[in-house]
C-alpha cells in the first residue's frame, strides 16, 4: 500500500463519522467567511497576490454563470451576407428568441412547486446546539469526559426503540420529554383530533435533529390518519399523512400540528 493512502485505508476499515456530510457542508459554508477575512486583513504583497487570485476566480465564475444562462436560450444567429435579398416584412421572423418564454415557463414551474409543497409556517427560528444539548460529564477519574449530551427539547422515538449501552450512548433523550401523540387540525374540515405520531420527517433547524426526532416549531411529522377516513385516489384509506408543528411543545406541554393536505 502506498504510504499516502492511510486515510483511505482507515475509512475502508472503520467507515466514516455519522456527521461527515454535515461537517463537510459546514466547512464549505465557512469558506466565504475565510475569504472575506483574508481580503480585509492581508496587507502588502500578500494582499496584491490574493486580490489577483480572487479576480481570476470571479472572472471564471461569471463566465460559468453566463454559459449556464445562455445554454438553453436560442439567440439570433450571426448575420451573414444573404445570397438572396430578404423582404422587409420577413426580417422580424428570422431566428426568433425564446428567452422570455423560457424564463416565464421556469417561473410558472417554480410557483406550482411552491404551491404544492407550501406549509403553514414557511420560516422558523433556528435552534442552536448550545440551546438543544446539555453537556454531561461522565467517568470516575479527575478529568471527566464531556462527550455526552442530554436533549432538552421534546423528542419522538419509535415503539421499537431500545437504548444503547450506557457506555456508548452519546445522545440521551429523557423519558419525560418523549411524545407519542399530537393534536392535529384538519385545515378544511376545521376539526382537531389527537393522532399517534409515526415519525419525524424533517426538522428545519438541523439534519441531526431530524435523526434524533426532535419536535420543535416548524417540524414536519408523519401522523396516523386512518381514524379520519381519508381516502386516496385509488379508493383506499390513507394510513400516514404529514403535518407541521405550529407551537412550542416545551412551553405548552402538548403538541399541536396542522395537517398538510
C-alpha atoms as a PDB file:
ATOM      1  CA  UNK A   1       0.000   0.000   0.000  1.00  0.00           C
ATOM      2  CA  UNK A   2       1.368   3.459  -0.863  1.00  0.00           C
ATOM      3  CA  UNK A   3       2.411   5.490   2.127  1.00  0.00           C
ATOM      4  CA  UNK A   4      -0.036   8.331   1.448  1.00  0.00           C
ATOM      5  CA  UNK A   5      -3.217   6.193   1.407  1.00  0.00           C
ATOM      6  CA  UNK A   6      -3.524   5.544   5.155  1.00  0.00           C
ATOM      7  CA  UNK A   7      -6.624   7.788   5.392  1.00  0.00           C
ATOM      8  CA  UNK A   8      -8.443   5.854   2.626  1.00  0.00           C
ATOM      9  CA  UNK A   9      -7.493   2.560   4.278  1.00  0.00           C
ATOM     10  CA  UNK A  10      -8.807   3.719   7.658  1.00  0.00           C
ATOM     11  CA  UNK A  11     -12.091   4.799   6.005  1.00  0.00           C
ATOM     12  CA  UNK A  12     -12.494   1.379   4.365  1.00  0.00           C
ATOM     13  CA  UNK A  13     -11.823  -0.459   7.604  1.00  0.00           C
ATOM     14  CA  UNK A  14     -13.769   1.650  10.086  1.00  0.00           C
ATOM     15  CA  UNK A  15     -16.146   3.744   7.965  1.00  0.00           C
ATOM     16  CA  UNK A  16     -16.865   7.455   8.348  1.00  0.00           C
ATOM     17  CA  UNK A  17     -18.283   9.547  11.159  1.00  0.00           C
ATOM     18  CA  UNK A  18     -22.063   9.877  11.283  1.00  0.00           C
ATOM     19  CA  UNK A  19     -21.826  13.642  10.763  1.00  0.00           C
ATOM     20  CA  UNK A  20     -19.231  13.567   7.950  1.00  0.00           C
ATOM     21  CA  UNK A  21     -21.537  15.144   5.357  1.00  0.00           C
ATOM     22  CA  UNK A  22     -22.717  17.769   7.846  1.00  0.00           C
ATOM     23  CA  UNK A  23     -19.133  18.710   8.770  1.00  0.00           C
ATOM     24  CA  UNK A  24     -18.188  18.968   5.077  1.00  0.00           C
ATOM     25  CA  UNK A  25     -21.208  21.196   4.419  1.00  0.00           C
ATOM     26  CA  UNK A  26     -20.314  23.480   7.321  1.00  0.00           C
ATOM     27  CA  UNK A  27     -16.689  23.663   6.184  1.00  0.00           C
ATOM     28  CA  UNK A  28     -17.802  24.657   2.677  1.00  0.00           C
ATOM     29  CA  UNK A  29     -20.122  27.271   4.181  1.00  0.00           C
ATOM     30  CA  UNK A  30     -17.217  28.756   6.158  1.00  0.00           C
ATOM     31  CA  UNK A  31     -15.100  29.274   3.031  1.00  0.00           C
ATOM     32  CA  UNK A  32     -16.840  32.558   2.217  1.00  0.00           C
ATOM     33  CA  UNK A  33     -16.142  33.928   5.702  1.00  0.00           C
ATOM     34  CA  UNK A  34     -12.494  32.867   5.452  1.00  0.00           C
ATOM     35  CA  UNK A  35     -12.076  34.590   2.083  1.00  0.00           C
ATOM     36  CA  UNK A  36     -13.701  37.753   3.424  1.00  0.00           C
ATOM     37  CA  UNK A  37     -11.407  37.742   6.466  1.00  0.00           C
ATOM     38  CA  UNK A  38      -8.305  37.341   4.282  1.00  0.00           C
ATOM     39  CA  UNK A  39      -9.434  40.120   1.945  1.00  0.00           C
ATOM     40  CA  UNK A  40      -9.848  42.510   4.901  1.00  0.00           C
ATOM     41  CA  UNK A  41      -6.736  41.633   6.910  1.00  0.00           C
ATOM     42  CA  UNK A  42      -3.988  40.897   4.374  1.00  0.00           C
ATOM     43  CA  UNK A  43      -1.514  43.692   3.731  1.00  0.00           C
ATOM     44  CA  UNK A  44       1.242  44.484   1.252  1.00  0.00           C
ATOM     45  CA  UNK A  45       2.366  41.990  -1.376  1.00  0.00           C
ATOM     46  CA  UNK A  46       0.219  39.173   0.026  1.00  0.00           C
ATOM     47  CA  UNK A  47      -2.860  41.344  -0.380  1.00  0.00           C
ATOM     48  CA  UNK A  48      -1.987  42.091  -4.018  1.00  0.00           C
ATOM     49  CA  UNK A  49      -1.423  38.404  -4.826  1.00  0.00           C
ATOM     50  CA  UNK A  50      -4.651  37.419  -3.055  1.00  0.00           C
ATOM     51  CA  UNK A  51      -6.644  40.107  -4.885  1.00  0.00           C
ATOM     52  CA  UNK A  52      -5.226  38.942  -8.211  1.00  0.00           C
ATOM     53  CA  UNK A  53      -6.155  35.335  -7.437  1.00  0.00           C
ATOM     54  CA  UNK A  54      -9.709  36.294  -6.379  1.00  0.00           C
ATOM     55  CA  UNK A  55     -10.093  38.437  -9.505  1.00  0.00           C
ATOM     56  CA  UNK A  56      -9.259  35.434 -11.707  1.00  0.00           C
ATOM     57  CA  UNK A  57     -11.702  33.235  -9.761  1.00  0.00           C
ATOM     58  CA  UNK A  58     -14.531  35.766 -10.143  1.00  0.00           C
ATOM     59  CA  UNK A  59     -13.908  36.021 -13.902  1.00  0.00           C
ATOM     60  CA  UNK A  60     -14.180  32.227 -14.229  1.00  0.00           C
ATOM     61  CA  UNK A  61     -17.327  32.186 -12.074  1.00  0.00           C
ATOM     62  CA  UNK A  62     -19.001  34.887 -14.172  1.00  0.00           C
ATOM     63  CA  UNK A  63     -18.113  33.017 -17.355  1.00  0.00           C
ATOM     64  CA  UNK A  64     -19.627  29.812 -15.960  1.00  0.00           C
ATOM     65  CA  UNK A  65     -22.835  31.605 -14.886  1.00  0.00           C
ATOM     66  CA  UNK A  66     -23.151  33.272 -18.283  1.00  0.00           C
ATOM     67  CA  UNK A  67     -22.574  29.941 -20.019  1.00  0.00           C
ATOM     68  CA  UNK A  68     -25.363  28.284 -17.970  1.00  0.00           C
ATOM     69  CA  UNK A  69     -27.755  31.161 -18.661  1.00  0.00           C
ATOM     70  CA  UNK A  70     -27.142  31.075 -22.408  1.00  0.00           C
ATOM     71  CA  UNK A  71     -27.103  27.301 -22.785  1.00  0.00           C
ATOM     72  CA  UNK A  72     -30.869  26.844 -23.240  1.00  0.00           C
ATOM     73  CA  UNK A  73     -31.595  30.184 -24.902  1.00  0.00           C
ATOM     74  CA  UNK A  74     -31.776  30.235 -28.667  1.00  0.00           C
ATOM     75  CA  UNK A  75     -30.291  33.559 -29.622  1.00  0.00           C
ATOM     76  CA  UNK A  76     -30.339  35.180 -33.003  1.00  0.00           C
ATOM     77  CA  UNK A  77     -27.726  33.786 -35.369  1.00  0.00           C
ATOM     78  CA  UNK A  78     -24.867  35.947 -36.504  1.00  0.00           C
ATOM     79  CA  UNK A  79     -25.795  37.971 -39.546  1.00  0.00           C
ATOM     80  CA  UNK A  80     -24.195  36.913 -42.772  1.00  0.00           C
ATOM     81  CA  UNK A  81     -24.417  38.269 -46.222  1.00  0.00           C
ATOM     82  CA  UNK A  82     -27.605  36.704 -47.630  1.00  0.00           C
ATOM     83  CA  UNK A  83     -27.338  35.127 -51.048  1.00  0.00           C
ATOM     84  CA  UNK A  84     -30.818  36.397 -51.901  1.00  0.00           C
ATOM     85  CA  UNK A  85     -32.247  39.648 -50.508  1.00  0.00           C
ATOM     86  CA  UNK A  86     -34.989  39.176 -47.874  1.00  0.00           C
ATOM     87  CA  UNK A  87     -38.145  41.332 -47.958  1.00  0.00           C
ATOM     88  CA  UNK A  88     -38.585  43.822 -45.107  1.00  0.00           C
ATOM     89  CA  UNK A  89     -41.698  42.107 -43.711  1.00  0.00           C
ATOM     90  CA  UNK A  90     -39.745  38.831 -43.254  1.00  0.00           C
ATOM     91  CA  UNK A  91     -36.797  40.319 -41.343  1.00  0.00           C
ATOM     92  CA  UNK A  92     -38.522  40.054 -37.946  1.00  0.00           C
ATOM     93  CA  UNK A  93     -39.388  36.387 -38.433  1.00  0.00           C
ATOM     94  CA  UNK A  94     -35.807  35.217 -38.830  1.00  0.00           C
ATOM     95  CA  UNK A  95     -34.344  33.342 -35.825  1.00  0.00           C
ATOM     96  CA  UNK A  96     -36.752  34.407 -33.023  1.00  0.00           C
ATOM     97  CA  UNK A  97     -35.503  34.176 -29.445  1.00  0.00           C
ATOM     98  CA  UNK A  98     -37.457  32.237 -26.837  1.00  0.00           C
ATOM     99  CA  UNK A  99     -35.627  33.536 -23.756  1.00  0.00           C
ATOM    100  CA  UNK A 100     -38.696  35.330 -22.404  1.00  0.00           C
ATOM    101  CA  UNK A 101     -40.924  32.302 -22.900  1.00  0.00           C
ATOM    102  CA  UNK A 102     -38.320  30.074 -21.234  1.00  0.00           C
ATOM    103  CA  UNK A 103     -37.973  32.329 -18.179  1.00  0.00           C
ATOM    104  CA  UNK A 104     -41.751  32.593 -17.746  1.00  0.00           C
ATOM    105  CA  UNK A 105     -42.051  28.813 -18.021  1.00  0.00           C
ATOM    106  CA  UNK A 106     -39.429  28.329 -15.297  1.00  0.00           C
ATOM    107  CA  UNK A 107     -41.194  30.863 -13.044  1.00  0.00           C
ATOM    108  CA  UNK A 108     -44.523  29.083 -13.524  1.00  0.00           C
ATOM    109  CA  UNK A 109     -42.984  25.707 -12.634  1.00  0.00           C
ATOM    110  CA  UNK A 110     -41.406  27.164  -9.513  1.00  0.00           C
ATOM    111  CA  UNK A 111     -44.720  28.719  -8.468  1.00  0.00           C
ATOM    112  CA  UNK A 112     -46.544  25.403  -8.975  1.00  0.00           C
ATOM    113  CA  UNK A 113     -43.917  23.529  -6.959  1.00  0.00           C
ATOM    114  CA  UNK A 114     -44.045  26.107  -4.156  1.00  0.00           C
ATOM    115  CA  UNK A 115     -47.852  25.894  -4.023  1.00  0.00           C
ATOM    116  CA  UNK A 116     -47.702  22.112  -3.942  1.00  0.00           C
ATOM    117  CA  UNK A 117     -45.238  21.930  -1.048  1.00  0.00           C
ATOM    118  CA  UNK A 118     -46.400  25.014   0.866  1.00  0.00           C
ATOM    119  CA  UNK A 119     -46.555  24.738   4.642  1.00  0.00           C
ATOM    120  CA  UNK A 120     -48.432  26.832   7.220  1.00  0.00           C
ATOM    121  CA  UNK A 121     -45.177  28.138   8.777  1.00  0.00           C
ATOM    122  CA  UNK A 122     -42.620  28.695   5.992  1.00  0.00           C
ATOM    123  CA  UNK A 123     -39.896  30.213   8.205  1.00  0.00           C
ATOM    124  CA  UNK A 124     -38.932  29.354  11.774  1.00  0.00           C
ATOM    125  CA  UNK A 125     -36.189  30.456  14.129  1.00  0.00           C
ATOM    126  CA  UNK A 126     -33.264  28.029  14.195  1.00  0.00           C
ATOM    127  CA  UNK A 127     -32.239  26.183  17.353  1.00  0.00           C
ATOM    128  CA  UNK A 128     -28.553  26.214  18.253  1.00  0.00           C
ATOM    129  CA  UNK A 129     -26.791  23.143  19.590  1.00  0.00           C
ATOM    130  CA  UNK A 130     -25.981  25.019  22.830  1.00  0.00           C
ATOM    131  CA  UNK A 131     -29.718  25.508  23.406  1.00  0.00           C
ATOM    132  CA  UNK A 132     -30.740  21.962  22.494  1.00  0.00           C
ATOM    133  CA  UNK A 133     -27.994  19.937  24.180  1.00  0.00           C
ATOM    134  CA  UNK A 134     -26.775  19.934  27.770  1.00  0.00           C
ATOM    135  CA  UNK A 135     -23.268  18.594  28.372  1.00  0.00           C
ATOM    136  CA  UNK A 136     -22.994  15.654  30.780  1.00  0.00           C
ATOM    137  CA  UNK A 137     -19.603  14.742  32.182  1.00  0.00           C
ATOM    138  CA  UNK A 138     -19.002  11.075  32.942  1.00  0.00           C
ATOM    139  CA  UNK A 139     -16.211   8.979  34.401  1.00  0.00           C
ATOM    140  CA  UNK A 140     -14.602   8.303  37.773  1.00  0.00           C
ATOM    141  CA  UNK A 141     -11.276   9.996  37.177  1.00  0.00           C
ATOM    142  CA  UNK A 142     -10.280  13.564  37.947  1.00  0.00           C
ATOM    143  CA  UNK A 143     -10.594  14.682  34.338  1.00  0.00           C
ATOM    144  CA  UNK A 144     -14.100  13.609  33.431  1.00  0.00           C
ATOM    145  CA  UNK A 145     -15.067  13.369  29.789  1.00  0.00           C
ATOM    146  CA  UNK A 146     -17.783  15.695  28.473  1.00  0.00           C
ATOM    147  CA  UNK A 147     -18.802  13.983  25.242  1.00  0.00           C
ATOM    148  CA  UNK A 148     -22.341  13.005  26.261  1.00  0.00           C
ATOM    149  CA  UNK A 149     -25.325  15.253  25.529  1.00  0.00           C
ATOM    150  CA  UNK A 150     -28.804  15.390  27.056  1.00  0.00           C
ATOM    151  CA  UNK A 151     -31.556  16.608  24.698  1.00  0.00           C
ATOM    152  CA  UNK A 152     -33.517  19.394  26.425  1.00  0.00           C
ATOM    153  CA  UNK A 153     -36.362  19.578  23.854  1.00  0.00           C
ATOM    154  CA  UNK A 154     -39.319  17.206  23.292  1.00  0.00           C
ATOM    155  CA  UNK A 155     -38.490  14.220  21.127  1.00  0.00           C
ATOM    156  CA  UNK A 156     -40.156  11.259  19.440  1.00  0.00           C
ATOM    157  CA  UNK A 157     -38.794   7.724  19.444  1.00  0.00           C
ATOM    158  CA  UNK A 158     -40.426   4.735  17.767  1.00  0.00           C
ATOM    159  CA  UNK A 159     -42.245   1.975  19.660  1.00  0.00           C
ATOM    160  CA  UNK A 160     -39.387  -0.473  18.991  1.00  0.00           C
ATOM    161  CA  UNK A 161     -36.704   1.898  20.283  1.00  0.00           C
ATOM    162  CA  UNK A 162     -34.028   0.366  22.517  1.00  0.00           C
ATOM    163  CA  UNK A 163     -31.400   2.468  24.231  1.00  0.00           C
ATOM    164  CA  UNK A 164     -27.777   1.721  23.515  1.00  0.00           C
ATOM    165  CA  UNK A 165     -25.496   0.606  26.357  1.00  0.00           C
ATOM    166  CA  UNK A 166     -24.730   3.489  28.715  1.00  0.00           C
ATOM    167  CA  UNK A 167     -21.050   3.373  27.824  1.00  0.00           C
ATOM    168  CA  UNK A 168     -21.743   4.018  24.122  1.00  0.00           C
ATOM    169  CA  UNK A 169     -24.815   6.278  24.286  1.00  0.00           C
ATOM    170  CA  UNK A 170     -23.878   9.796  23.149  1.00  0.00           C
ATOM    171  CA  UNK A 171     -27.313  11.494  22.943  1.00  0.00           C
ATOM    172  CA  UNK A 172     -29.675  10.933  25.885  1.00  0.00           C
ATOM    173  CA  UNK A 173     -33.396  11.560  25.281  1.00  0.00           C
ATOM    174  CA  UNK A 174     -35.239  11.748  28.640  1.00  0.00           C
ATOM    175  CA  UNK A 175     -38.418   9.709  29.042  1.00  0.00           C
ATOM    176  CA  UNK A 176     -40.321  12.724  30.399  1.00  0.00           C
ATOM    177  CA  UNK A 177     -39.803  14.675  27.142  1.00  0.00           C
ATOM    178  CA  UNK A 178     -40.938  11.941  24.747  1.00  0.00           C
ATOM    179  CA  UNK A 179     -44.217  12.458  22.888  1.00  0.00           C
ATOM    180  CA  UNK A 180     -46.335   9.792  21.195  1.00  0.00           C
ATOM    181  CA  UNK A 181     -49.457  11.742  20.143  1.00  0.00           C
ATOM    182  CA  UNK A 182     -50.232  15.126  18.612  1.00  0.00           C
ATOM    183  CA  UNK A 183     -53.318  17.339  18.394  1.00  0.00           C
ATOM    184  CA  UNK A 184     -53.735  17.600  14.609  1.00  0.00           C
ATOM    185  CA  UNK A 185     -56.095  20.119  12.993  1.00  0.00           C
ATOM    186  CA  UNK A 186     -57.588  19.477   9.556  1.00  0.00           C
ATOM    187  CA  UNK A 187     -57.480  22.845   7.697  1.00  0.00           C
ATOM    188  CA  UNK A 188     -60.559  22.263   5.516  1.00  0.00           C
ATOM    189  CA  UNK A 189     -62.786  20.370   7.969  1.00  0.00           C
ATOM    190  CA  UNK A 190     -61.792  22.614  10.922  1.00  0.00           C
ATOM    191  CA  UNK A 191     -61.671  19.678  13.332  1.00  0.00           C
ATOM    192  CA  UNK A 192     -58.898  18.781  15.786  1.00  0.00           C
ATOM    193  CA  UNK A 193     -58.139  15.131  16.546  1.00  0.00           C
ATOM    194  CA  UNK A 194     -55.472  13.543  18.722  1.00  0.00           C
ATOM    195  CA  UNK A 195     -53.494  11.218  16.451  1.00  0.00           C
ATOM    196  CA  UNK A 196     -50.490   8.949  17.095  1.00  0.00           C
ATOM    197  CA  UNK A 197     -47.149  10.025  15.639  1.00  0.00           C
ATOM    198  CA  UNK A 198     -45.493   7.674  13.149  1.00  0.00           C
ATOM    199  CA  UNK A 199     -42.194   9.506  12.686  1.00  0.00           C
ATOM    200  CA  UNK A 200     -40.321  12.770  12.197  1.00  0.00           C
ATOM    201  CA  UNK A 201     -39.934  13.652   8.526  1.00  0.00           C
ATOM    202  CA  UNK A 202     -37.800  16.808   8.736  1.00  0.00           C
ATOM    203  CA  UNK A 203     -36.621  19.303  11.321  1.00  0.00           C
ATOM    204  CA  UNK A 204     -35.744  22.589   9.539  1.00  0.00           C
ATOM    205  CA  UNK A 205     -33.045  23.536  12.044  1.00  0.00           C
ATOM    206  CA  UNK A 206     -30.572  20.689  11.508  1.00  0.00           C
ATOM    207  CA  UNK A 207     -30.462  17.223   9.868  1.00  0.00           C
ATOM    208  CA  UNK A 208     -29.071  15.864  13.146  1.00  0.00           C
ATOM    209  CA  UNK A 209     -32.254  16.984  14.924  1.00  0.00           C
ATOM    210  CA  UNK A 210     -34.293  15.032  12.371  1.00  0.00           C
ATOM    211  CA  UNK A 211     -32.242  11.933  13.106  1.00  0.00           C
ATOM    212  CA  UNK A 212     -32.768  12.375  16.851  1.00  0.00           C
ATOM    213  CA  UNK A 213     -36.518  13.031  16.399  1.00  0.00           C
ATOM    214  CA  UNK A 214     -36.537  16.500  17.971  1.00  0.00           C
ATOM    215  CA  UNK A 215     -40.023  18.069  17.994  1.00  0.00           C
ATOM    216  CA  UNK A 216     -39.754  21.854  17.625  1.00  0.00           C
ATOM    217  CA  UNK A 217     -41.860  24.523  15.947  1.00  0.00           C
ATOM    218  CA  UNK A 218     -41.979  24.034  12.169  1.00  0.00           C
ATOM    219  CA  UNK A 219     -41.012  20.352  12.246  1.00  0.00           C
ATOM    220  CA  UNK A 220     -42.734  18.088   9.703  1.00  0.00           C
ATOM    221  CA  UNK A 221     -44.067  14.916  11.326  1.00  0.00           C
ATOM    222  CA  UNK A 222     -45.983  11.918   9.998  1.00  0.00           C
ATOM    223  CA  UNK A 223     -49.214  11.026  11.792  1.00  0.00           C
ATOM    224  CA  UNK A 224     -51.644   8.121  11.543  1.00  0.00           C
ATOM    225  CA  UNK A 225     -54.845   9.431   9.897  1.00  0.00           C
ATOM    226  CA  UNK A 226     -56.630   6.105   9.452  1.00  0.00           C
ATOM    227  CA  UNK A 227     -59.258   7.171  12.013  1.00  0.00           C
ATOM    228  CA  UNK A 228     -60.195  10.236   9.947  1.00  0.00           C
ATOM    229  CA  UNK A 229     -61.309   8.128   6.981  1.00  0.00           C
ATOM    230  CA  UNK A 230     -59.248   9.998   4.378  1.00  0.00           C
ATOM    231  CA  UNK A 231     -59.412   8.111   1.071  1.00  0.00           C
ATOM    232  CA  UNK A 232     -56.711   8.099  -1.608  1.00  0.00           C
ATOM    233  CA  UNK A 233     -57.307   8.450  -5.360  1.00  0.00           C
ATOM    234  CA  UNK A 234     -57.407   4.657  -5.749  1.00  0.00           C
ATOM    235  CA  UNK A 235     -60.159   4.356  -3.123  1.00  0.00           C
ATOM    236  CA  UNK A 236     -58.025   3.005  -0.256  1.00  0.00           C
ATOM    237  CA  UNK A 237     -57.985   4.501   3.237  1.00  0.00           C
ATOM    238  CA  UNK A 238     -54.906   6.673   3.780  1.00  0.00           C
ATOM    239  CA  UNK A 239     -52.598   5.495   6.540  1.00  0.00           C
ATOM    240  CA  UNK A 240     -49.994   8.238   7.088  1.00  0.00           C
ATOM    241  CA  UNK A 241     -50.076  11.956   6.327  1.00  0.00           C
ATOM    242  CA  UNK A 242     -47.624  14.770   7.012  1.00  0.00           C
ATOM    243  CA  UNK A 243     -48.362  17.580   9.464  1.00  0.00           C
ATOM    244  CA  UNK A 244     -46.402  20.616  10.644  1.00  0.00           C
ATOM    245  CA  UNK A 245     -45.978  21.532  14.306  1.00  0.00           C
ATOM    246  CA  UNK A 246     -47.340  25.036  14.972  1.00  0.00           C
ATOM    247  CA  UNK A 247     -46.493  25.580  18.665  1.00  0.00           C
ATOM    248  CA  UNK A 248     -43.541  25.309  21.029  1.00  0.00           C
ATOM    249  CA  UNK A 249     -44.094  21.935  22.754  1.00  0.00           C
ATOM    250  CA  UNK A 250     -41.530  22.629  25.506  1.00  0.00           C
ATOM    251  CA  UNK A 251     -43.566  25.674  26.612  1.00  0.00           C
ATOM    252  CA  UNK A 252     -47.138  24.340  26.185  1.00  0.00           C
ATOM    253  CA  UNK A 253     -46.708  20.743  27.314  1.00  0.00           C
ATOM    254  CA  UNK A 254     -48.614  19.435  24.279  1.00  0.00           C
ATOM    255  CA  UNK A 255     -48.067  19.006  20.567  1.00  0.00           C
ATOM    256  CA  UNK A 256     -50.268  20.991  18.135  1.00  0.00           C
ATOM    257  CA  UNK A 257     -49.979  20.491  14.376  1.00  0.00           C
ATOM    258  CA  UNK A 258     -51.748  21.318  11.119  1.00  0.00           C
ATOM    259  CA  UNK A 259     -52.362  18.580   8.558  1.00  0.00           C
ATOM    260  CA  UNK A 260     -50.778  19.173   5.133  1.00  0.00           C
ATOM    261  CA  UNK A 261     -53.446  18.368   2.527  1.00  0.00           C
END
